[in-house]
Structure formats: C-alpha cells, structure tokens
Amino acid sequence: MRIIRDYKFVEPADRGASVAIGNFDGVHIGHRSVIELARQAAPDVPLGVMTFEPHPREYFAPDSPPFRLMRGPARAHRLQKLGVERLYELPFNAALAGLTPEEFARSVICDGLGLAHVVIGADFCFGKARSGNAADMVRFGQEMGFGVTVAPLLEQTERVISSTAIRTALSEGRPRDAAAMLGHWHRIEGEVIGGEQRGRELGFPTANMSIDGLHPPRFGVYAVLVDVLDGPHKGSYRGAASVGVRPMFNGEQPNIETFLFDFSGDLYGATLSVGLVEYLRPEMTFDGLDALIAQMDADCDRARDILAAL
C-alpha cells in the first residue's frame, strides 16, 4: 500500500483510483462495506481510501476528550489488511478546512488526485463548515467527470453501526459487542515504553503502552490477544492486560499494561497490537501485595480459559 499525503504533487501511478472517503476511525464493518463498494465500482483501477490526519474533530476541538479508536498508523495497518492499495492521508489544516465543497471536489478529487470514482456515506459532509452533502458530491461528479456512489448506513439488529456506538460499548466494558460492529477485536496499537517495573517485581512482567489520544475503554482487566508486530519476538500471543491508572500505586496517567502468557523476552521498543476480548473486572485496590498477586493469578487463569474457548 502506498500512502500519499499531498494532493498537489501526485505520481501518475497514484492517480485514477476508486476511493472511499471518510475518517475510518476503527475501520468497522460499515467502513468495510464502503471500501468494498469502491472496489466494485471500478475493479480495474487501484483501490483507495481518502482520510484525514489529524481527525477534523481533533483539529476543530483540540481540547476535547480523547475519542479516537485508533491512531493513524494502526488505521493504515488495518486498511492494508483489507487490500487498500492507495491511502490518501491528507493533512487536515486551515487550507484544506477552508475549501468550499466545490473547491474540494475540483482541487482535491478532480485536478489533484484525478480520482476515477468516489464512495461516500449517506451522511457525508464536506467542505468549509461542512456545508457540502452527498447530493452535492453527486452533482460535482457529474460536472467534473468522476463517478460517485452514495453508500447507505449499515445497520445491525436495528442499530446503525458507527464509531460512536463502538466507543459506547468499550466505555461500558463490552468489547465483544464492539468487536461485532468492528468485524475484528478492538485493538490498542503502539510502542512498548519503559515503566516502573512493578509487574516484574510481582512476577508479572508487563509491556506498557500509552493510550494518550485514544478513547479509553472501561478501566480494568481484560483477556487479550496480542500481536507483536516487529522485532525478534514478532508473532501472536495470549495474555491479560490492565487498562487504567493503577490505583494500587497512585497512578495518574492512563495506560495499558499487558502480561503475555508463556513469554520471556525484552519487548521495549517493539510495536504491539493488543486486542481486547473480554472484560474481567474493574480496577481495584488491595490490602497488600499478596492479595494483589492472588487476584492477578486468578485473572490470568480466567483469561486463559476464555481465550482457549475462542
């Protein structure tokens, strides 16, 4: 997959794609259906996705609480798995935000990227002040010579599948419900960073990752599936993870600490993808370290049983 970040300077091989447009936060099954429509609309040209970085909501409300289900690299990783050949990850800045709907269609889609076809959701808005809608895009396509498909909103058991509904499921500790809408386990992806090594001292060495900028799932302990994406320990593992602030040790900054079963090795600097499978319990404080260790043993036993049944 090629990633293109400047619509004004585009290699000839990166023009003429059939592209699904949106933020694709989470790359859920609704997003996948839109991408599939782009594939079907023009099967003889490269399959692409157009998205924006930072997310427009982050740009317009930088102080709002974290809401993203995945960071840009994790989104690219997931899109590549779906067979996307061109990722147009356009910088969302004042210049792009200031384009009128017609200017966006002409300067970005038509002249800049020379797209053959675009697929948008029925609720898609674009251009300055989100003043353009799906009907406008259809009209611009007719005028400027690119095809447009408007994808209906995908529903599941009478509920529209959306990133918002997935965030709600995660906030309530329902990762399996989130997975049903995503079409895959919700994964937290990032680099393993140095911690305080308390887990190692307790007999449960953990790989620590920041969740800064991400929508936090319900704090607590989870059964998890872990992919180590690079380095000498690259591969798939099972484990248990704690998401939160570590109240037993007066923590403040939320993170995720993952204990890999039957693993020995150094993961510092490696990139991990931690899939949340089942919520086991909330964060707790204990009367002492012995009680904490006993609970961690019980958590791991339960997680092993859950993961073995998958």
C-alpha atoms as a PDB file:
ATOM      1  CA  MET A   1       0.000   0.000   0.000  1.00  0.00           C
ATOM      2  CA  ARG A   2       1.253   3.457  -0.922  1.00  0.00           C
ATOM      3  CA  ILE A   3       0.499   6.410   1.357  1.00  0.00           C
ATOM      4  CA  ILE A   4       0.026   9.796  -0.336  1.00  0.00           C
ATOM      5  CA  ARG A   5      -0.104  12.924   1.831  1.00  0.00           C
ATOM      6  CA  ASP A   6      -0.013  15.775  -0.700  1.00  0.00           C
ATOM      7  CA  TYR A   7      -2.779  16.062  -3.260  1.00  0.00           C
ATOM      8  CA  LYS A   8      -0.921  18.773  -5.180  1.00  0.00           C
ATOM      9  CA  PHE A   9       2.074  16.598  -6.088  1.00  0.00           C
ATOM     10  CA  VAL A  10       0.935  13.124  -7.088  1.00  0.00           C
ATOM     11  CA  GLU A  11       2.779  10.457  -9.051  1.00  0.00           C
ATOM     12  CA  PRO A  12       0.931   9.346 -12.201  1.00  0.00           C
ATOM     13  CA  ALA A  13       0.586   5.813 -10.778  1.00  0.00           C
ATOM     14  CA  ASP A  14      -1.286   7.241  -7.776  1.00  0.00           C
ATOM     15  CA  ARG A  15      -3.949   8.966  -9.857  1.00  0.00           C
ATOM     16  CA  GLY A  16      -7.145   7.432 -11.169  1.00  0.00           C
ATOM     17  CA  ALA A  17      -8.050   5.308  -8.143  1.00  0.00           C
ATOM     18  CA  SER A  18     -11.502   4.333  -6.900  1.00  0.00           C
ATOM     19  CA  VAL A  19     -11.648   5.761  -3.407  1.00  0.00           C
ATOM     20  CA  ALA A  20     -13.778   5.511  -0.279  1.00  0.00           C
ATOM     21  CA  ILE A  21     -13.771   8.832   1.600  1.00  0.00           C
ATOM     22  CA  GLY A  22     -14.142   9.245   5.352  1.00  0.00           C
ATOM     23  CA  ASN A  23     -12.343   9.250   8.689  1.00  0.00           C
ATOM     24  CA  PHE A  24     -12.498   5.440   9.072  1.00  0.00           C
ATOM     25  CA  ASP A  25     -11.914   5.558  12.831  1.00  0.00           C
ATOM     26  CA  GLY A  26     -11.890   1.927  13.909  1.00  0.00           C
ATOM     27  CA  VAL A  27     -12.306   0.629  10.333  1.00  0.00           C
ATOM     28  CA  HIS A  28     -15.583  -1.040  11.357  1.00  0.00           C
ATOM     29  CA  ILE A  29     -17.803  -3.215   9.174  1.00  0.00           C
ATOM     30  CA  GLY A  30     -19.693  -0.173   7.903  1.00  0.00           C
ATOM     31  CA  HIS A  31     -16.394   1.268   6.695  1.00  0.00           C
ATOM     32  CA  ARG A  32     -15.509  -2.067   5.136  1.00  0.00           C
ATOM     33  CA  SER A  33     -18.762  -2.104   3.164  1.00  0.00           C
ATOM     34  CA  VAL A  34     -17.968   1.378   1.806  1.00  0.00           C
ATOM     35  CA  ILE A  35     -14.481   0.226   0.784  1.00  0.00           C
ATOM     36  CA  GLU A  36     -15.980  -2.833  -0.906  1.00  0.00           C
ATOM     37  CA  LEU A  37     -18.302  -0.571  -2.906  1.00  0.00           C
ATOM     38  CA  ALA A  38     -15.240   1.365  -4.097  1.00  0.00           C
ATOM     39  CA  ARG A  39     -13.660  -1.920  -5.174  1.00  0.00           C
ATOM     40  CA  GLN A  40     -16.779  -2.989  -7.075  1.00  0.00           C
ATOM     41  CA  ALA A  41     -17.371   0.411  -8.694  1.00  0.00           C
ATOM     42  CA  ALA A  42     -14.098   0.358 -10.630  1.00  0.00           C
ATOM     43  CA  PRO A  43     -12.366  -3.030 -10.292  1.00  0.00           C
ATOM     44  CA  ASP A  44      -9.753  -2.247 -12.936  1.00  0.00           C
ATOM     45  CA  VAL A  45      -8.156   0.715 -11.107  1.00  0.00           C
ATOM     46  CA  PRO A  46      -6.288   0.894  -7.770  1.00  0.00           C
ATOM     47  CA  LEU A  47      -8.463   0.648  -4.649  1.00  0.00           C
ATOM     48  CA  GLY A  48      -8.004   3.640  -2.387  1.00  0.00           C
ATOM     49  CA  VAL A  49      -9.135   5.326   0.797  1.00  0.00           C
ATOM     50  CA  MET A  50      -9.075   9.060   1.431  1.00  0.00           C
ATOM     51  CA  THR A  51      -8.861  10.094   5.050  1.00  0.00           C
ATOM     52  CA  PHE A  52      -7.514  12.967   7.096  1.00  0.00           C
ATOM     53  CA  GLU A  53      -4.833  13.469   9.726  1.00  0.00           C
ATOM     54  CA  PRO A  54      -5.395  14.826  12.268  1.00  0.00           C
ATOM     55  CA  HIS A  55      -9.037  13.853  12.507  1.00  0.00           C
ATOM     56  CA  PRO A  56     -11.074  17.012  11.724  1.00  0.00           C
ATOM     57  CA  ARG A  57     -12.688  16.808  15.158  1.00  0.00           C
ATOM     58  CA  GLU A  58      -9.225  16.994  16.732  1.00  0.00           C
ATOM     59  CA  TYR A  59      -8.403  19.972  14.540  1.00  0.00           C
ATOM     60  CA  PHE A  60     -11.501  21.984  15.423  1.00  0.00           C
ATOM     61  CA  ALA A  61     -11.667  20.951  19.105  1.00  0.00           C
ATOM     62  CA  PRO A  62      -8.105  20.154  20.204  1.00  0.00           C
ATOM     63  CA  ASP A  63      -9.002  20.292  23.901  1.00  0.00           C
ATOM     64  CA  SER A  64     -11.906  17.849  23.697  1.00  0.00           C
ATOM     65  CA  PRO A  65     -11.563  14.484  25.488  1.00  0.00           C
ATOM     66  CA  PRO A  66      -9.753  11.760  23.520  1.00  0.00           C
ATOM     67  CA  PHE A  67     -12.174   9.955  21.211  1.00  0.00           C
ATOM     68  CA  ARG A  68     -10.156   8.126  18.568  1.00  0.00           C
ATOM     69  CA  LEU A  69     -10.418   4.355  18.377  1.00  0.00           C
ATOM     70  CA  MET A  70      -7.067   4.098  16.613  1.00  0.00           C
ATOM     71  CA  ARG A  71      -4.110   6.223  15.667  1.00  0.00           C
ATOM     72  CA  GLY A  72      -3.091   6.843  12.060  1.00  0.00           C
ATOM     73  CA  PRO A  73      -0.517   4.011  11.793  1.00  0.00           C
ATOM     74  CA  ALA A  74      -2.980   1.462  13.219  1.00  0.00           C
ATOM     75  CA  ARG A  75      -5.620   2.612  10.751  1.00  0.00           C
ATOM     76  CA  ALA A  76      -3.160   2.238   7.874  1.00  0.00           C
ATOM     77  CA  HIS A  77      -2.240  -1.236   9.098  1.00  0.00           C
ATOM     78  CA  ARG A  78      -5.905  -2.285   9.180  1.00  0.00           C
ATOM     79  CA  LEU A  79      -6.660  -0.789   5.743  1.00  0.00           C
ATOM     80  CA  GLN A  80      -3.704  -2.592   4.218  1.00  0.00           C
ATOM     81  CA  LYS A  81      -5.130  -5.879   5.509  1.00  0.00           C
ATOM     82  CA  LEU A  82      -8.316  -5.087   3.556  1.00  0.00           C
ATOM     83  CA  GLY A  83      -6.401  -4.802   0.297  1.00  0.00           C
ATOM     84  CA  VAL A  84      -6.336  -1.000   0.042  1.00  0.00           C
ATOM     85  CA  GLU A  85      -3.619  -0.048  -2.446  1.00  0.00           C
ATOM     86  CA  ARG A  86      -3.601   3.751  -2.098  1.00  0.00           C
ATOM     87  CA  LEU A  87      -4.120   5.582   1.189  1.00  0.00           C
ATOM     88  CA  TYR A  88      -4.614   9.302   0.628  1.00  0.00           C
ATOM     89  CA  GLU A  89      -3.949  10.526   4.174  1.00  0.00           C
ATOM     90  CA  LEU A  90      -4.379  14.248   3.635  1.00  0.00           C
ATOM     91  CA  PRO A  91      -3.128  16.758   6.234  1.00  0.00           C
ATOM     92  CA  PHE A  92      -6.184  18.454   7.699  1.00  0.00           C
ATOM     93  CA  ASN A  93      -5.126  22.066   8.112  1.00  0.00           C
ATOM     94  CA  ALA A  94      -6.508  25.574   7.651  1.00  0.00           C
ATOM     95  CA  ALA A  95      -6.051  25.459   3.877  1.00  0.00           C
ATOM     96  CA  LEU A  96      -7.980  22.209   3.469  1.00  0.00           C
ATOM     97  CA  ALA A  97     -10.633  23.194   6.013  1.00  0.00           C
ATOM     98  CA  GLY A  98     -11.203  26.473   4.176  1.00  0.00           C
ATOM     99  CA  LEU A  99     -12.048  24.912   0.796  1.00  0.00           C
ATOM    100  CA  THR A 100     -15.658  25.253  -0.281  1.00  0.00           C
ATOM    101  CA  PRO A 101     -17.385  21.997  -1.271  1.00  0.00           C
ATOM    102  CA  GLU A 102     -16.875  22.805  -4.953  1.00  0.00           C
ATOM    103  CA  GLU A 103     -13.216  23.723  -4.410  1.00  0.00           C
ATOM    104  CA  PHE A 104     -12.656  20.452  -2.552  1.00  0.00           C
ATOM    105  CA  ALA A 105     -14.241  18.459  -5.361  1.00  0.00           C
ATOM    106  CA  ARG A 106     -12.297  20.246  -8.076  1.00  0.00           C
ATOM    107  CA  SER A 107      -8.914  20.877  -6.433  1.00  0.00           C
ATOM    108  CA  VAL A 108      -8.571  17.646  -4.451  1.00  0.00           C
ATOM    109  CA  ILE A 109     -10.686  14.960  -6.122  1.00  0.00           C
ATOM    110  CA  CYS A 110     -10.643  16.035  -9.760  1.00  0.00           C
ATOM    111  CA  ASP A 111      -7.492  18.026 -10.521  1.00  0.00           C
ATOM    112  CA  GLY A 112      -5.285  16.993  -7.590  1.00  0.00           C
ATOM    113  CA  LEU A 113      -5.778  13.233  -7.356  1.00  0.00           C
ATOM    114  CA  GLY A 114      -7.613  12.626 -10.628  1.00  0.00           C
ATOM    115  CA  LEU A 115      -9.859  10.054  -8.975  1.00  0.00           C
ATOM    116  CA  ALA A 116     -11.964   7.806 -11.174  1.00  0.00           C
ATOM    117  CA  HIS A 117     -14.665   7.137  -8.596  1.00  0.00           C
ATOM    118  CA  VAL A 118     -15.507   8.098  -5.011  1.00  0.00           C
ATOM    119  CA  VAL A 119     -17.743   6.368  -2.483  1.00  0.00           C
ATOM    120  CA  ILE A 120     -19.201   8.327   0.439  1.00  0.00           C
ATOM    121  CA  GLY A 121     -21.657   7.580   3.199  1.00  0.00           C
ATOM    122  CA  ALA A 122     -25.212   8.879   3.031  1.00  0.00           C
ATOM    123  CA  ASP A 123     -24.428  11.227   5.948  1.00  0.00           C
ATOM    124  CA  PHE A 124     -21.136  12.509   4.459  1.00  0.00           C
ATOM    125  CA  CYS A 125     -20.469  16.244   4.821  1.00  0.00           C
ATOM    126  CA  PHE A 126     -17.500  18.062   3.343  1.00  0.00           C
ATOM    127  CA  GLY A 127     -16.079  21.478   2.567  1.00  0.00           C
ATOM    128  CA  LYS A 128     -15.926  24.645   4.641  1.00  0.00           C
ATOM    129  CA  ALA A 129     -18.281  24.495   7.645  1.00  0.00           C
ATOM    130  CA  ARG A 130     -19.345  21.007   6.480  1.00  0.00           C
ATOM    131  CA  SER A 131     -21.630  22.748   4.010  1.00  0.00           C
ATOM    132  CA  GLY A 132     -21.495  20.095   1.282  1.00  0.00           C
ATOM    133  CA  ASN A 133     -23.513  16.884   1.392  1.00  0.00           C
ATOM    134  CA  ALA A 134     -23.843  13.658  -0.576  1.00  0.00           C
ATOM    135  CA  ALA A 135     -26.170  15.201  -3.155  1.00  0.00           C
ATOM    136  CA  ASP A 136     -23.626  17.938  -3.804  1.00  0.00           C
ATOM    137  CA  MET A 137     -20.888  15.357  -4.362  1.00  0.00           C
ATOM    138  CA  VAL A 138     -23.061  13.518  -6.894  1.00  0.00           C
ATOM    139  CA  ARG A 139     -23.623  16.778  -8.765  1.00  0.00           C
ATOM    140  CA  PHE A 140     -19.926  17.681  -8.740  1.00  0.00           C
ATOM    141  CA  GLY A 141     -19.054  14.220 -10.032  1.00  0.00           C
ATOM    142  CA  GLN A 142     -21.428  14.666 -12.956  1.00  0.00           C
ATOM    143  CA  GLU A 143     -19.980  18.089 -13.730  1.00  0.00           C
ATOM    144  CA  MET A 144     -16.296  17.188 -13.307  1.00  0.00           C
ATOM    145  CA  GLY A 145     -16.215  13.657 -14.674  1.00  0.00           C
ATOM    146  CA  PHE A 146     -15.731  11.328 -11.715  1.00  0.00           C
ATOM    147  CA  GLY A 147     -18.154   8.651 -10.578  1.00  0.00           C
ATOM    148  CA  VAL A 148     -19.932   8.865  -7.221  1.00  0.00           C
ATOM    149  CA  THR A 149     -21.599   6.138  -5.167  1.00  0.00           C
ATOM    150  CA  VAL A 150     -23.562   7.017  -2.024  1.00  0.00           C
ATOM    151  CA  ALA A 151     -23.406   4.129   0.457  1.00  0.00           C
ATOM    152  CA  PRO A 152     -26.382   3.570   2.772  1.00  0.00           C
ATOM    153  CA  LEU A 153     -25.783   3.474   6.510  1.00  0.00           C
ATOM    154  CA  LEU A 154     -25.213  -0.094   7.638  1.00  0.00           C
ATOM    155  CA  GLU A 155     -27.466  -1.350  10.423  1.00  0.00           C
ATOM    156  CA  GLN A 156     -27.064  -4.293  12.757  1.00  0.00           C
ATOM    157  CA  THR A 157     -30.044  -5.562  14.768  1.00  0.00           C
ATOM    158  CA  GLU A 158     -31.853  -2.260  14.209  1.00  0.00           C
ATOM    159  CA  ARG A 159     -28.832  -0.215  15.330  1.00  0.00           C
ATOM    160  CA  VAL A 160     -26.703   1.864  12.999  1.00  0.00           C
ATOM    161  CA  ILE A 161     -23.095   0.761  13.160  1.00  0.00           C
ATOM    162  CA  SER A 162     -20.921   3.740  13.978  1.00  0.00           C
ATOM    163  CA  SER A 163     -17.696   4.683  15.710  1.00  0.00           C
ATOM    164  CA  THR A 164     -19.852   6.356  18.378  1.00  0.00           C
ATOM    165  CA  ALA A 165     -21.703   3.103  19.139  1.00  0.00           C
ATOM    166  CA  ILE A 166     -18.372   1.276  19.336  1.00  0.00           C
ATOM    167  CA  ARG A 167     -16.990   3.851  21.772  1.00  0.00           C
ATOM    168  CA  THR A 168     -20.069   3.383  23.943  1.00  0.00           C
ATOM    169  CA  ALA A 169     -19.612  -0.402  24.013  1.00  0.00           C
ATOM    170  CA  LEU A 170     -15.972  -0.011  25.009  1.00  0.00           C
ATOM    171  CA  SER A 171     -16.786   2.555  27.699  1.00  0.00           C
ATOM    172  CA  GLU A 172     -19.255   0.088  29.189  1.00  0.00           C
ATOM    173  CA  GLY A 173     -16.789  -2.812  29.179  1.00  0.00           C
ATOM    174  CA  ARG A 174     -18.450  -4.702  26.310  1.00  0.00           C
ATOM    175  CA  PRO A 175     -15.524  -5.488  23.968  1.00  0.00           C
ATOM    176  CA  ARG A 176     -17.349  -8.388  22.292  1.00  0.00           C
ATOM    177  CA  ASP A 177     -20.184  -6.047  21.292  1.00  0.00           C
ATOM    178  CA  ALA A 178     -17.596  -3.601  19.964  1.00  0.00           C
ATOM    179  CA  ALA A 179     -15.955  -6.445  18.033  1.00  0.00           C
ATOM    180  CA  ALA A 180     -19.298  -7.407  16.460  1.00  0.00           C
ATOM    181  CA  MET A 181     -19.534  -3.894  14.997  1.00  0.00           C
ATOM    182  CA  LEU A 182     -15.854  -3.640  14.114  1.00  0.00           C
ATOM    183  CA  GLY A 183     -15.588  -7.031  12.457  1.00  0.00           C
ATOM    184  CA  HIS A 184     -12.399  -7.590  14.476  1.00  0.00           C
ATOM    185  CA  TRP A 185     -11.232  -7.243  18.064  1.00  0.00           C
ATOM    186  CA  HIS A 186     -10.767  -3.667  19.188  1.00  0.00           C
ATOM    187  CA  ARG A 187      -7.012  -3.242  19.246  1.00  0.00           C
ATOM    188  CA  ILE A 188      -4.758  -0.774  21.000  1.00  0.00           C
ATOM    189  CA  GLU A 189      -1.589  -0.442  18.965  1.00  0.00           C
ATOM    190  CA  GLY A 190       1.606   1.284  19.964  1.00  0.00           C
ATOM    191  CA  GLU A 191       5.229   1.104  21.003  1.00  0.00           C
ATOM    192  CA  VAL A 192       6.247  -0.583  24.251  1.00  0.00           C
ATOM    193  CA  ILE A 193       7.637   2.057  26.589  1.00  0.00           C
ATOM    194  CA  GLY A 194       9.556   1.919  29.843  1.00  0.00           C
ATOM    195  CA  GLY A 195       7.519   1.516  33.020  1.00  0.00           C
ATOM    196  CA  GLU A 196       8.180   1.324  36.731  1.00  0.00           C
ATOM    197  CA  GLN A 197       8.778  -2.466  36.530  1.00  0.00           C
ATOM    198  CA  ARG A 198       6.358  -3.177  39.361  1.00  0.00           C
ATOM    199  CA  GLY A 199       4.865  -6.029  37.343  1.00  0.00           C
ATOM    200  CA  ARG A 200       8.268  -7.684  37.054  1.00  0.00           C
ATOM    201  CA  GLU A 201       8.763  -7.375  40.816  1.00  0.00           C
ATOM    202  CA  LEU A 202       5.378  -9.042  41.358  1.00  0.00           C
ATOM    203  CA  GLY A 203       6.137 -11.895  38.967  1.00  0.00           C
ATOM    204  CA  PHE A 204       4.001 -10.485  36.136  1.00  0.00           C
ATOM    205  CA  PRO A 205       6.310  -8.533  33.794  1.00  0.00           C
ATOM    206  CA  THR A 206       4.199  -6.334  31.555  1.00  0.00           C
ATOM    207  CA  ALA A 207       4.603  -4.492  28.274  1.00  0.00           C
ATOM    208  CA  ASN A 208       3.499  -0.915  28.891  1.00  0.00           C
ATOM    209  CA  MET A 209       1.915   1.275  26.209  1.00  0.00           C
ATOM    210  CA  SER A 210       0.431   4.752  26.251  1.00  0.00           C
ATOM    211  CA  ILE A 211      -3.230   5.252  25.388  1.00  0.00           C
ATOM    212  CA  ASP A 212      -2.778   9.017  25.090  1.00  0.00           C
ATOM    213  CA  GLY A 213      -5.089  10.445  22.434  1.00  0.00           C
ATOM    214  CA  LEU A 214      -7.256   7.328  22.287  1.00  0.00           C
ATOM    215  CA  HIS A 215     -10.778   6.786  23.562  1.00  0.00           C
ATOM    216  CA  PRO A 216     -10.213   4.920  26.836  1.00  0.00           C
ATOM    217  CA  PRO A 217     -12.104   1.651  27.221  1.00  0.00           C
ATOM    218  CA  ARG A 218     -13.590   0.909  30.629  1.00  0.00           C
ATOM    219  CA  PHE A 219     -10.744   0.769  33.107  1.00  0.00           C
ATOM    220  CA  GLY A 220      -9.996  -2.688  34.392  1.00  0.00           C
ATOM    221  CA  VAL A 221      -8.522  -6.048  33.472  1.00  0.00           C
ATOM    222  CA  TYR A 222      -9.118  -7.807  30.136  1.00  0.00           C
ATOM    223  CA  ALA A 223      -8.376 -11.104  28.464  1.00  0.00           C
ATOM    224  CA  VAL A 224      -6.398 -10.130  25.358  1.00  0.00           C
ATOM    225  CA  LEU A 225      -4.900 -11.396  22.127  1.00  0.00           C
ATOM    226  CA  VAL A 226      -1.547  -9.803  21.367  1.00  0.00           C
ATOM    227  CA  ASP A 227       0.356  -9.410  18.116  1.00  0.00           C
ATOM    228  CA  VAL A 228       3.995  -8.334  18.349  1.00  0.00           C
ATOM    229  CA  LEU A 229       4.345  -6.610  15.003  1.00  0.00           C
ATOM    230  CA  ASP A 230       8.115  -6.286  14.748  1.00  0.00           C
ATOM    231  CA  GLY A 231      11.401  -7.250  16.357  1.00  0.00           C
ATOM    232  CA  PRO A 232      12.831 -10.632  17.328  1.00  0.00           C
ATOM    233  CA  HIS A 233       9.665 -11.703  19.166  1.00  0.00           C
ATOM    234  CA  LYS A 234       7.307 -10.982  16.272  1.00  0.00           C
ATOM    235  CA  GLY A 235       4.281 -13.237  16.499  1.00  0.00           C
ATOM    236  CA  SER A 236       0.920 -13.830  18.181  1.00  0.00           C
ATOM    237  CA  TYR A 237       0.382 -14.389  21.895  1.00  0.00           C
ATOM    238  CA  ARG A 238      -2.338 -14.560  24.533  1.00  0.00           C
ATOM    239  CA  GLY A 239      -2.414 -12.626  27.747  1.00  0.00           C
ATOM    240  CA  ALA A 240      -4.127 -10.390  30.267  1.00  0.00           C
ATOM    241  CA  ALA A 241      -3.991  -6.611  30.268  1.00  0.00           C
ATOM    242  CA  SER A 242      -4.834  -3.857  32.702  1.00  0.00           C
ATOM    243  CA  VAL A 243      -6.153  -0.571  31.341  1.00  0.00           C
ATOM    244  CA  GLY A 244      -6.261   2.400  33.683  1.00  0.00           C
ATOM    245  CA  VAL A 245      -4.330   4.422  36.223  1.00  0.00           C
ATOM    246  CA  ARG A 246      -3.146   1.709  38.650  1.00  0.00           C
ATOM    247  CA  PRO A 247      -4.960   2.901  41.819  1.00  0.00           C
ATOM    248  CA  MET A 248      -2.963   0.475  43.969  1.00  0.00           C
ATOM    249  CA  PHE A 249       0.120   2.586  43.193  1.00  0.00           C
ATOM    250  CA  ASN A 250      -1.495   6.040  42.973  1.00  0.00           C
ATOM    251  CA  GLY A 251      -1.099   6.268  39.222  1.00  0.00           C
ATOM    252  CA  GLU A 252      -2.396   9.258  37.284  1.00  0.00           C
ATOM    253  CA  GLN A 253      -1.732   8.804  33.547  1.00  0.00           C
ATOM    254  CA  PRO A 254      -3.874   6.055  31.964  1.00  0.00           C
ATOM    255  CA  ASN A 255      -2.030   3.352  30.073  1.00  0.00           C
ATOM    256  CA  ILE A 256      -2.301  -0.314  29.162  1.00  0.00           C
ATOM    257  CA  GLU A 257      -0.051  -2.919  30.765  1.00  0.00           C
ATOM    258  CA  THR A 258      -0.059  -6.334  29.083  1.00  0.00           C
ATOM    259  CA  PHE A 259       1.206  -9.617  30.506  1.00  0.00           C
ATOM    260  CA  LEU A 260       1.935 -12.199  27.807  1.00  0.00           C
ATOM    261  CA  PHE A 261       1.397 -15.802  28.826  1.00  0.00           C
ATOM    262  CA  ASP A 262       4.318 -18.204  28.491  1.00  0.00           C
ATOM    263  CA  PHE A 263       6.634 -15.478  27.193  1.00  0.00           C
ATOM    264  CA  SER A 264      10.164 -14.499  28.090  1.00  0.00           C
ATOM    265  CA  GLY A 265      11.988 -11.672  26.385  1.00  0.00           C
ATOM    266  CA  ASP A 266      12.511  -7.929  26.059  1.00  0.00           C
ATOM    267  CA  LEU A 267       9.787  -6.051  24.176  1.00  0.00           C
ATOM    268  CA  TYR A 268      10.991  -2.475  24.749  1.00  0.00           C
ATOM    269  CA  GLY A 269      10.655  -0.511  21.521  1.00  0.00           C
ATOM    270  CA  ALA A 270       8.560  -3.173  19.792  1.00  0.00           C
ATOM    271  CA  THR A 271       5.135  -2.332  18.380  1.00  0.00           C
ATOM    272  CA  LEU A 272       2.278  -4.284  19.929  1.00  0.00           C
ATOM    273  CA  SER A 273      -1.334  -4.665  18.860  1.00  0.00           C
ATOM    274  CA  VAL A 274      -3.435  -5.655  21.881  1.00  0.00           C
ATOM    275  CA  GLY A 275      -6.928  -6.961  21.119  1.00  0.00           C
ATOM    276  CA  LEU A 276      -9.496  -6.643  23.919  1.00  0.00           C
ATOM    277  CA  VAL A 277     -11.526  -9.871  24.114  1.00  0.00           C
ATOM    278  CA  GLU A 278     -13.374  -9.870  27.422  1.00  0.00           C
ATOM    279  CA  TYR A 279     -13.657  -7.557  30.405  1.00  0.00           C
ATOM    280  CA  LEU A 280     -12.753  -9.426  33.601  1.00  0.00           C
ATOM    281  CA  ARG A 281     -13.073  -6.911  36.429  1.00  0.00           C
ATOM    282  CA  PRO A 282     -12.683  -3.218  37.303  1.00  0.00           C
ATOM    283  CA  GLU A 283      -9.550  -1.638  38.736  1.00  0.00           C
ATOM    284  CA  MET A 284      -9.261  -2.324  42.453  1.00  0.00           C
ATOM    285  CA  THR A 285      -7.111  -1.599  45.469  1.00  0.00           C
ATOM    286  CA  PHE A 286      -5.986  -4.398  47.772  1.00  0.00           C
ATOM    287  CA  ASP A 287      -4.944  -4.737  51.396  1.00  0.00           C
ATOM    288  CA  GLY A 288      -1.448  -5.768  50.378  1.00  0.00           C
ATOM    289  CA  LEU A 289       0.749  -7.165  47.631  1.00  0.00           C
ATOM    290  CA  ASP A 290      -0.095 -10.770  48.484  1.00  0.00           C
ATOM    291  CA  ALA A 291      -3.785 -10.094  47.869  1.00  0.00           C
ATOM    292  CA  LEU A 292      -2.933  -8.306  44.613  1.00  0.00           C
ATOM    293  CA  ILE A 293      -0.794 -11.215  43.393  1.00  0.00           C
ATOM    294  CA  ALA A 294      -3.523 -13.733  44.270  1.00  0.00           C
ATOM    295  CA  GLN A 295      -6.036 -11.697  42.246  1.00  0.00           C
ATOM    296  CA  MET A 296      -3.645 -11.429  39.298  1.00  0.00           C
ATOM    297  CA  ASP A 297      -3.207 -15.208  39.359  1.00  0.00           C
ATOM    298  CA  ALA A 298      -6.986 -15.607  39.282  1.00  0.00           C
ATOM    299  CA  ASP A 299      -7.299 -13.056  36.464  1.00  0.00           C
ATOM    300  CA  CYS A 300      -4.743 -14.916  34.344  1.00  0.00           C
ATOM    301  CA  ASP A 301      -6.403 -18.286  34.964  1.00  0.00           C
ATOM    302  CA  ARG A 302      -9.749 -16.882  33.883  1.00  0.00           C
ATOM    303  CA  ALA A 303      -8.234 -15.174  30.850  1.00  0.00           C
ATOM    304  CA  ARG A 304      -6.568 -18.426  29.759  1.00  0.00           C
ATOM    305  CA  ASP A 305      -9.906 -20.229  29.923  1.00  0.00           C
ATOM    306  CA  ILE A 306     -11.700 -17.516  27.934  1.00  0.00           C
ATOM    307  CA  LEU A 307      -9.044 -17.367  25.235  1.00  0.00           C
ATOM    308  CA  ALA A 308      -8.817 -21.149  24.973  1.00  0.00           C
ATOM    309  CA  ALA A 309     -12.532 -21.222  24.129  1.00  0.00           C
ATOM    310  CA  LEU A 310     -12.212 -18.842  21.149  1.00  0.00           C
END
